[in-house]
Amino acid sequence: MSVASNIHFATYPPMSSISSILVLGAGELGTYVLHSLAQHPLRSQTTTISVLLRESSINSNDESKAMRLVALRNLGITFTSGDLVQDSEDELSSTFRNFDVVICCTGYMAASGLQLKISRAVLSAGVPFYVPWQFGMDYEAIGRGYQQYMFDEQLNVRDLLRAQTGSNNTRWVALSTGLFSSVIFPPIGGLVDMEKRVVYGVGDWNRQFSTTTPEDIGKFTAELVLGPERDTLFAVNGPVYVAGDTVSYNDVAHIVEDVAGQSFTRRLLTLEETEHDMNTELTAARICRNVLARGRGALFQDTDLWTPSAGLKVSSLDDFAKRYLPAFFVNPV
């Protein structure tokens, strides 16, 4: 196993086996996490995997939702009824108390305060192991005072988890993955505008950033929870860094043009331009460009990365684009 040399580990006795896992949310990331957990080679036959869904979703008559639920059931995944927004902390705590591991996969652009609410409920329930919504960039490197409230809340969650005292604390890992590869392309369009055929860069076309596909984030998460290095990783009680690929803005442009078979306009933005864009309209794409323009928290050094001993096969951004982008040329946004 390769783990960053600058990570400091707490001292704990060996972990017991995991018998129950709860995933919060079944969106893009949650679905990949559920699939990777269910299919993990070290998953015990006695390990139950459940996903928290609203009762209305579990009993939905919508055909597409029903098909997704059937697919999850076929993987041996069960459903736990709950509402992260409407349920009180006490109600969530009562739900979480039945599980050894809670993995939060609902966080992107979530309501302000939700991640703190979930984390307080996890601690109140005495959940042994917790993977909070910390996926993405290095929020501590980005720092506080950012215009998008979620970034400060990520740090508030870490402060809450680090403030635990006692011998039976909840162990936790913030899985830092770099920029989600899907954020780069439509429909979010952080760096690629398919409609206008524009690729954005910030500062310098050769500046690099780390990125991981949502599918691979699911694999890393499952390996974190069920893999042989779990004891070591959950003793970190802090961030663990992974990355599927490291690319420059120039690489992004070449990849998109190669898949499209046509040239794109390249627009290099300044920090000031991204600040102006965010002040004009706060969108996920503009937040992405502004964070990248600040030049902090987006690039992980190889020496800092956790490389699972299982040797996970992960996708490069080029691999991902070749699978993901063609649909947008058939049906442009």
Protein backbone atom coordinates (compact mmCIF):
# COMPACT_ATOMS: atom_id res chain seq x y z
CA MET A 1 0.00 0.00 0.00
CA SER A 2 1.11 3.51 -0.75
CA VAL A 3 -0.14 6.16 1.66
CA ALA A 4 1.05 9.75 1.79
CA SER A 5 4.08 10.06 4.03
CA ASN A 6 2.70 13.24 5.64
CA ILE A 7 -0.46 11.54 6.97
CA HIS A 8 -0.52 11.12 10.75
CA PHE A 9 -2.26 8.06 12.18
CA ALA A 10 -4.05 7.61 15.46
CA THR A 11 -3.43 4.41 17.41
CA TYR A 12 -6.35 2.01 17.57
CA PRO A 13 -6.81 -1.70 18.13
CA PRO A 14 -7.64 -3.75 14.98
CA MET A 15 -11.11 -3.09 13.60
CA SER A 16 -13.84 -5.65 13.85
CA SER A 17 -15.50 -6.90 10.69
CA ILE A 18 -18.11 -4.73 9.03
CA SER A 19 -21.61 -6.20 9.23
CA SER A 20 -23.80 -3.29 8.08
CA ILE A 21 -23.26 -0.33 5.75
CA LEU A 22 -25.62 2.56 5.05
CA VAL A 23 -25.19 4.78 2.00
CA LEU A 24 -26.96 8.14 2.06
CA GLY A 25 -28.33 8.85 -1.39
CA ALA A 26 -28.53 7.00 -4.69
CA GLY A 27 -27.67 9.71 -7.18
CA GLU A 28 -24.73 9.46 -9.55
CA LEU A 29 -22.08 8.93 -6.88
CA GLY A 30 -24.27 6.96 -4.49
CA THR A 31 -25.19 4.48 -7.21
CA TYR A 32 -21.54 3.87 -8.09
CA VAL A 33 -20.64 3.45 -4.42
CA LEU A 34 -23.48 0.96 -3.92
CA HIS A 35 -22.46 -1.08 -6.96
CA SER A 36 -18.81 -1.16 -5.90
CA LEU A 37 -19.67 -2.17 -2.34
CA ALA A 38 -22.05 -4.91 -3.48
CA GLN A 39 -19.52 -6.35 -5.93
CA HIS A 40 -16.41 -5.99 -3.76
CA PRO A 41 -14.55 -9.31 -3.59
CA LEU A 42 -14.02 -9.00 0.18
CA ARG A 43 -17.65 -8.28 1.01
CA SER A 44 -18.78 -10.89 3.50
CA GLN A 45 -22.00 -12.76 2.77
CA THR A 46 -23.23 -11.50 6.13
CA THR A 47 -22.46 -7.84 5.36
CA THR A 48 -25.67 -5.96 4.64
CA ILE A 49 -25.68 -2.89 2.41
CA SER A 50 -28.58 -0.45 2.56
CA VAL A 51 -29.36 2.91 0.99
CA LEU A 52 -31.31 5.66 2.69
CA LEU A 53 -34.19 6.88 0.52
CA ARG A 54 -37.37 8.82 1.12
CA GLU A 55 -40.44 6.63 1.50
CA SER A 56 -41.92 8.26 -1.60
CA SER A 57 -38.88 7.19 -3.63
CA ILE A 58 -39.00 3.62 -2.34
CA ASN A 59 -42.65 3.34 -3.31
CA SER A 60 -42.50 5.46 -6.46
CA ASN A 61 -44.60 4.54 -9.48
CA ASP A 62 -42.15 6.26 -11.80
CA GLU A 63 -40.91 3.59 -14.21
CA SER A 64 -37.30 4.77 -14.36
CA LYS A 65 -37.03 4.99 -10.56
CA ALA A 66 -38.64 1.58 -10.18
CA MET A 67 -36.12 0.05 -12.60
CA ARG A 68 -33.22 1.55 -10.64
CA LEU A 69 -34.61 0.11 -7.41
CA VAL A 70 -34.97 -3.32 -9.00
CA ALA A 71 -31.34 -3.14 -10.16
CA LEU A 72 -30.23 -2.33 -6.62
CA ARG A 73 -32.33 -5.13 -5.13
CA ASN A 74 -30.74 -7.53 -7.60
CA LEU A 75 -27.37 -6.61 -6.07
CA GLY A 76 -28.66 -7.57 -2.64
CA ILE A 77 -29.07 -3.97 -1.51
CA THR A 78 -31.89 -3.12 0.90
CA PHE A 79 -33.70 0.19 1.44
CA THR A 80 -33.89 2.22 4.62
CA SER A 81 -36.59 4.85 4.81
CA GLY A 82 -35.53 8.33 5.87
CA ASP A 83 -35.41 11.97 4.83
CA LEU A 84 -32.16 13.82 5.48
CA VAL A 85 -33.85 17.20 5.19
CA GLN A 86 -37.15 16.62 6.97
CA ASP A 87 -36.09 14.16 9.67
CA SER A 88 -34.73 15.64 12.89
CA GLU A 89 -31.19 14.94 14.09
CA ASP A 90 -32.62 12.60 16.71
CA GLU A 91 -34.60 10.71 14.08
CA LEU A 92 -31.55 10.40 11.83
CA SER A 93 -29.45 9.31 14.79
CA SER A 94 -31.96 6.57 15.58
CA THR A 95 -31.69 5.36 11.98
CA PHE A 96 -27.90 5.55 11.81
CA ARG A 97 -27.49 3.65 15.10
CA ASN A 98 -28.25 0.38 13.30
CA PHE A 99 -25.14 0.55 11.09
CA ASP A 100 -21.38 0.04 11.43
CA VAL A 101 -20.56 2.40 8.55
CA VAL A 102 -22.33 5.47 7.18
CA ILE A 103 -21.22 6.84 3.80
CA CYS A 104 -22.67 10.21 2.79
CA CYS A 105 -23.17 10.48 -0.97
CA THR A 106 -25.54 13.42 -0.96
CA GLY A 107 -23.79 16.73 -0.72
CA TYR A 108 -23.19 18.44 -4.01
CA MET A 109 -25.04 21.79 -3.83
CA ALA A 110 -27.02 20.47 -0.83
CA ALA A 111 -28.90 22.79 1.49
CA SER A 112 -26.79 24.84 3.87
CA GLY A 113 -26.26 23.10 7.19
CA LEU A 114 -27.23 19.62 5.98
CA GLN A 115 -23.74 18.12 6.23
CA LEU A 116 -23.35 19.33 9.81
CA LYS A 117 -26.77 17.95 10.67
CA ILE A 118 -25.88 14.54 9.22
CA SER A 119 -22.49 14.49 10.94
CA ARG A 120 -23.94 15.41 14.34
CA ALA A 121 -26.49 12.62 13.95
CA VAL A 122 -23.69 10.16 13.06
CA LEU A 123 -21.74 11.10 16.20
CA SER A 124 -24.84 11.01 18.38
CA ALA A 125 -25.62 7.51 17.08
CA GLY A 126 -22.13 6.28 17.91
CA VAL A 127 -21.57 5.01 14.36
CA PRO A 128 -18.13 3.35 14.41
CA PHE A 129 -16.99 4.45 10.92
CA TYR A 130 -18.03 7.44 8.83
CA VAL A 131 -17.24 8.66 5.33
CA PRO A 132 -18.66 12.20 5.22
CA TRP A 133 -19.38 14.12 2.04
CA GLN A 134 -15.87 15.47 1.48
CA PHE A 135 -15.34 14.16 -2.04
CA GLY A 136 -13.69 16.50 -4.48
CA MET A 137 -10.98 19.05 -3.87
CA ASP A 138 -8.83 19.69 -0.82
CA TYR A 139 -11.13 22.03 1.09
CA GLU A 140 -8.54 22.85 3.73
CA ALA A 141 -6.14 24.04 1.04
CA ILE A 142 -8.94 26.18 -0.43
CA GLY A 143 -9.58 27.67 3.01
CA ARG A 144 -12.46 29.55 4.57
CA GLY A 145 -14.41 32.56 3.38
CA TYR A 146 -15.35 31.16 0.01
CA GLN A 147 -18.49 32.51 -1.62
CA GLN A 148 -20.05 29.07 -2.01
CA TYR A 149 -21.23 28.17 1.50
CA MET A 150 -20.57 24.45 1.06
CA PHE A 151 -16.79 24.90 1.20
CA ASP A 152 -16.82 26.43 4.68
CA GLU A 153 -19.29 23.77 5.80
CA GLN A 154 -16.86 21.05 4.73
CA LEU A 155 -14.32 22.54 7.14
CA ASN A 156 -16.94 22.90 9.88
CA VAL A 157 -17.69 19.17 9.52
CA ARG A 158 -13.99 18.35 9.90
CA ASP A 159 -13.76 20.56 12.98
CA LEU A 160 -16.75 18.74 14.48
CA LEU A 161 -15.26 15.32 13.82
CA ARG A 162 -11.82 16.30 15.11
CA ALA A 163 -13.30 17.69 18.33
CA GLN A 164 -14.37 14.23 19.49
CA THR A 165 -13.07 13.11 22.85
CA GLY A 166 -13.12 9.69 24.46
CA SER A 167 -12.06 6.16 23.61
CA ASN A 168 -14.99 5.13 21.39
CA ASN A 169 -14.94 7.94 18.88
CA THR A 170 -16.36 7.65 15.40
CA ARG A 171 -13.45 7.04 13.02
CA TRP A 172 -13.70 8.94 9.77
CA VAL A 173 -12.01 9.51 6.44
CA ALA A 174 -12.41 12.47 4.12
CA LEU A 175 -11.83 10.96 0.69
CA SER A 176 -10.34 13.76 -1.42
CA THR A 177 -10.68 12.83 -5.08
CA GLY A 178 -9.85 15.95 -7.04
CA LEU A 179 -12.35 17.35 -9.50
CA PHE A 180 -15.13 14.95 -10.50
CA SER A 181 -14.45 14.15 -14.17
CA SER A 182 -18.15 14.53 -14.94
CA VAL A 183 -18.08 18.16 -13.72
CA ILE A 184 -15.68 19.07 -16.53
CA PHE A 185 -18.18 18.19 -19.25
CA PRO A 186 -21.93 18.80 -19.78
CA PRO A 187 -24.41 19.04 -18.26
CA ILE A 188 -22.44 21.00 -15.65
CA GLY A 189 -19.83 22.15 -18.15
CA GLY A 190 -17.14 23.27 -15.73
CA LEU A 191 -14.50 23.47 -18.46
CA VAL A 192 -16.25 22.38 -21.65
CA ASP A 193 -19.20 24.20 -23.22
CA MET A 194 -20.51 21.87 -25.91
CA GLU A 195 -23.15 24.29 -27.20
CA LYS A 196 -20.64 27.08 -27.87
CA ARG A 197 -17.77 24.66 -28.62
CA VAL A 198 -15.53 26.34 -26.05
CA VAL A 199 -12.91 24.85 -23.71
CA TYR A 200 -12.01 26.98 -20.70
CA GLY A 201 -8.67 27.16 -18.95
CA VAL A 202 -7.61 29.35 -16.06
CA GLY A 203 -4.32 31.14 -15.58
CA ASP A 204 -2.10 28.93 -17.70
CA TRP A 205 -2.95 26.24 -20.25
CA ASN A 206 -0.21 24.02 -18.76
CA ARG A 207 -1.52 24.27 -15.19
CA GLN A 208 -2.57 20.84 -13.92
CA PHE A 209 -5.31 19.50 -11.66
CA SER A 210 -6.30 16.08 -10.31
CA THR A 211 -9.51 14.40 -11.43
CA THR A 212 -11.35 11.14 -10.78
CA THR A 213 -14.43 9.68 -12.46
CA PRO A 214 -17.54 9.12 -10.30
CA GLU A 215 -17.32 5.39 -11.04
CA ASP A 216 -13.75 5.27 -9.76
CA ILE A 217 -14.68 7.29 -6.67
CA GLY A 218 -17.17 4.50 -6.00
CA LYS A 219 -14.36 1.93 -6.32
CA PHE A 220 -12.05 3.86 -3.99
CA THR A 221 -14.83 4.23 -1.43
CA ALA A 222 -15.64 0.53 -1.46
CA GLU A 223 -11.95 -0.31 -1.14
CA LEU A 224 -11.66 2.10 1.77
CA VAL A 225 -14.52 0.42 3.64
CA LEU A 226 -14.07 -3.25 2.69
CA GLY A 227 -10.44 -3.52 1.60
CA PRO A 228 -7.47 -4.87 3.57
CA GLU A 229 -6.10 -1.39 4.37
CA ARG A 230 -9.22 -0.28 6.22
CA ASP A 231 -7.57 -0.33 9.66
CA THR A 232 -4.76 1.96 8.54
CA LEU A 233 -6.94 4.37 6.59
CA PHE A 234 -9.62 4.80 9.24
CA ALA A 235 -6.90 5.59 11.76
CA VAL A 236 -6.13 8.76 9.79
CA ASN A 237 -9.21 10.63 11.04
CA GLY A 238 -8.67 13.13 8.25
CA PRO A 239 -8.17 13.41 4.50
CA VAL A 240 -6.89 10.61 2.29
CA TYR A 241 -6.06 11.63 -1.28
CA VAL A 242 -6.78 9.68 -4.46
CA ALA A 243 -6.73 10.59 -8.15
CA GLY A 244 -7.64 8.76 -11.31
CA ASP A 245 -5.66 11.16 -13.49
CA THR A 246 -3.72 14.41 -13.52
CA VAL A 247 -4.25 16.65 -16.53
CA SER A 248 -3.70 20.19 -17.74
CA TYR A 249 -6.26 22.48 -19.35
CA ASN A 250 -4.39 21.96 -22.58
CA ASP A 251 -4.92 18.20 -22.16
CA VAL A 252 -8.65 18.76 -21.71
CA ALA A 253 -8.82 20.71 -24.98
CA HIS A 254 -6.91 18.02 -26.88
CA ILE A 255 -9.10 15.25 -25.43
CA VAL A 256 -12.35 17.01 -26.34
CA GLU A 257 -11.19 17.87 -29.85
CA ASP A 258 -10.01 14.30 -30.40
CA VAL A 259 -13.38 12.86 -29.38
CA ALA A 260 -15.33 15.50 -31.30
CA GLY A 261 -13.18 15.35 -34.41
CA GLN A 262 -13.33 19.13 -34.63
CA SER A 263 -11.63 22.21 -33.22
CA PHE A 264 -12.92 24.07 -30.17
CA THR A 265 -12.34 27.68 -29.24
CA ARG A 266 -10.00 27.98 -26.26
CA ARG A 267 -10.66 30.69 -23.72
CA LEU A 268 -8.15 31.30 -20.94
CA LEU A 269 -9.78 33.01 -17.96
CA THR A 270 -8.18 35.14 -15.26
CA LEU A 271 -9.05 34.92 -11.58
CA GLU A 272 -10.74 38.32 -11.86
CA GLU A 273 -12.94 37.13 -14.70
CA THR A 274 -14.05 34.07 -12.76
CA GLU A 275 -14.84 36.24 -9.72
CA HIS A 276 -16.95 38.54 -11.91
CA ASP A 277 -18.76 35.58 -13.46
CA MET A 278 -19.62 34.17 -10.02
CA ASN A 279 -20.88 37.53 -8.79
CA THR A 280 -23.08 37.75 -11.89
CA GLU A 281 -24.55 34.26 -11.52
CA LEU A 282 -23.58 31.56 -9.06
CA THR A 283 -23.60 28.30 -11.01
CA ALA A 284 -21.74 25.03 -10.50
CA ALA A 285 -19.68 25.65 -13.65
CA ARG A 286 -18.61 29.12 -12.52
CA ILE A 287 -17.77 27.89 -9.04
CA CYS A 288 -15.61 25.17 -10.63
CA ARG A 289 -13.68 27.67 -12.76
CA ASN A 290 -13.18 30.06 -9.87
CA VAL A 291 -11.83 27.38 -7.54
CA LEU A 292 -9.43 26.22 -10.23
CA ALA A 293 -8.39 29.81 -10.91
CA ARG A 294 -7.37 30.24 -7.27
CA GLY A 295 -4.81 27.51 -7.77
CA ARG A 296 -5.28 25.78 -4.41
CA GLY A 297 -6.67 22.39 -3.50
CA ALA A 298 -7.06 20.98 -7.00
CA LEU A 299 -3.70 19.31 -7.63
CA PHE A 300 -2.56 16.38 -5.50
CA GLN A 301 1.08 15.34 -5.61
CA ASP A 302 1.83 11.69 -6.40
CA THR A 303 3.61 11.32 -3.06
CA ASP A 304 0.38 12.26 -1.27
CA LEU A 305 -1.84 9.69 -2.98
CA TRP A 306 -3.24 6.48 -1.55
CA THR A 307 -2.67 3.68 -4.05
CA PRO A 308 -4.70 0.64 -2.95
CA SER A 309 -2.74 -2.58 -2.73
CA ALA A 310 -5.59 -4.22 -4.67
CA GLY A 311 -4.38 -2.31 -7.70
CA LEU A 312 -7.69 -0.77 -8.72
CA LYS A 313 -8.11 -0.18 -12.43
CA VAL A 314 -9.11 3.44 -12.88
CA SER A 315 -9.97 5.51 -15.94
CA SER A 316 -7.96 8.35 -17.39
CA LEU A 317 -9.82 11.49 -18.38
CA ASP A 318 -9.31 10.47 -22.00
CA ASP A 319 -10.94 7.06 -21.33
CA PHE A 320 -13.84 8.76 -19.58
CA ALA A 321 -14.38 11.32 -22.35
CA LYS A 322 -14.50 8.63 -25.03
CA ARG A 323 -17.27 6.84 -23.14
CA TYR A 324 -19.14 9.88 -21.88
CA LEU A 325 -19.01 12.59 -24.54
CA PRO A 326 -20.38 10.95 -27.72
CA ALA A 327 -23.96 11.22 -26.46
CA PHE A 328 -23.61 14.99 -26.32
CA PHE A 329 -22.63 15.12 -30.00
CA VAL A 330 -25.70 13.11 -30.95
CA ASN A 331 -27.94 15.21 -28.70
CA PRO A 332 -26.12 18.48 -28.11
CA VAL A 333 -27.12 20.40 -25.00
